[in-house]
Amino acid sequence: MHGAVVLGASGLVGQRLQQRLANHPMFIVRALAGSQRTAGIDPSELPWGLEGQAPSLELPPVLDVQDPGLVERLHGLGVSWAFSAVPSDVALTLEPRLVEGGIRVCSNASAYRRRSDIPLVVADVNPHHLQTRPVGSVLHACATNCTLIPLLMPYLALHRAFGVRTYTATSEQARSGAGYGLLRGEVPLTFDIPGEAEKTMGELTWIAGDLHEGTVHPSTIDGEMRCQRVDQADGHIIDVVFELSNHATQPDVEAALDAFATHPDAAGLPSAPHRPMMRVAGPIDRDRHLWADGLSFPMHVNPANDLQAGMATVVGDVRMDGPRHVRLRSLSHNTVRGAAGGVVLLAELASTRWA
């Protein structure tokens, strides 16, 4: 078992990480760290915002991420892995400090995404990108933007089968994607999300890029995207039209979506879904499909134990607008697959294959 710290003790993604690591077979939480606002508080006294009860973790008081002695304190607690869910401005200085101190970092923050020397990885899609890490260095790797996942999975399936010339996408992103403030109604809901489309499209080119001599060569992918918030608690939906490079029929497209499989390097990991993407014949239903695990759509989930639940993307409303245009809707659980679950799956992969 690897001793771990969760960075971002009271945030939504930080609490998802605590939940997913509470009974994990490979990692054990030995510490939480947060801002000065939460530092020194007993973890059991932090307000819990997710479904169910907070996991029962016997931990010391929350550590201060700004503490100059943080690395030494973590080593003293037996911590060798950090799961980062802090704001990007904090991650900019905190994550390198931990790595320099010998602690492996898997991050949900955007601060180091698309850096040539820091892997950006969706573990069951592009695990080989972990090779961009400098030889012999302590692991520092990032998971992607949560909005990317429901775009990435159908894109890759169709591109591999037919080639994709371009796409036009609109997101419908849940309130939880902006954290507890918006989820709880403490801040007003605004529908446009500045900068989100650019980040998502940029990460798509990176994840889909080729790896050559330890360097990622991003793909050239033409597309348009608009990102907007909707008044739903969880789940990000992408409504997208793909223009294919080659003609296809509806059965061809459905077969390509159904055939999309987990990369062999990630198969069998505790958080890897049975399949990364599931297709439904009818429309997407947030309530029914949110916790897809790659085989089924469980309705009564314990996220602390059911690590595959919520990790599969669901595509529906698939139809052809002509022989080269595919229209579909795609759903992903944004705080599970798109955030905490993706980070934990990345760490599972790295600890078994690359650490």
Foldseek 3Di string as FASTA:
>chain_A
DAEEEEEALQWPLSQLLQLQQLPDPPYHYAAYAYAPVQAPADSQPHDDDDPDDRRDHDYGGHHYLPDPCVLVVCVVSRHQEYEYDDELVSCVPSVVVNQVSRHAYEYAYPNCPPDFQAFEDQCQQCVVLQLLHPPPGRHHHYYAALQQQQVQLLQVLQCVQFRFAEKEKEKAFEQCSVIDCSLVVVDDFDWFDPPPFVRNVVVSQQSPFDADPSGTDGHDYHYHYTYTYDHDNWKMKMWMKTFTPDFDDPVSSVVSSVPQATHPLLPPQQQQARGQEEEDAAADDCQQAQQDQNPHGDNDDSCSRNNSTQQHKYKYPWDDPDRGMIIIMIMGGRSQNVGSVSSVSSVSSCVVPPD
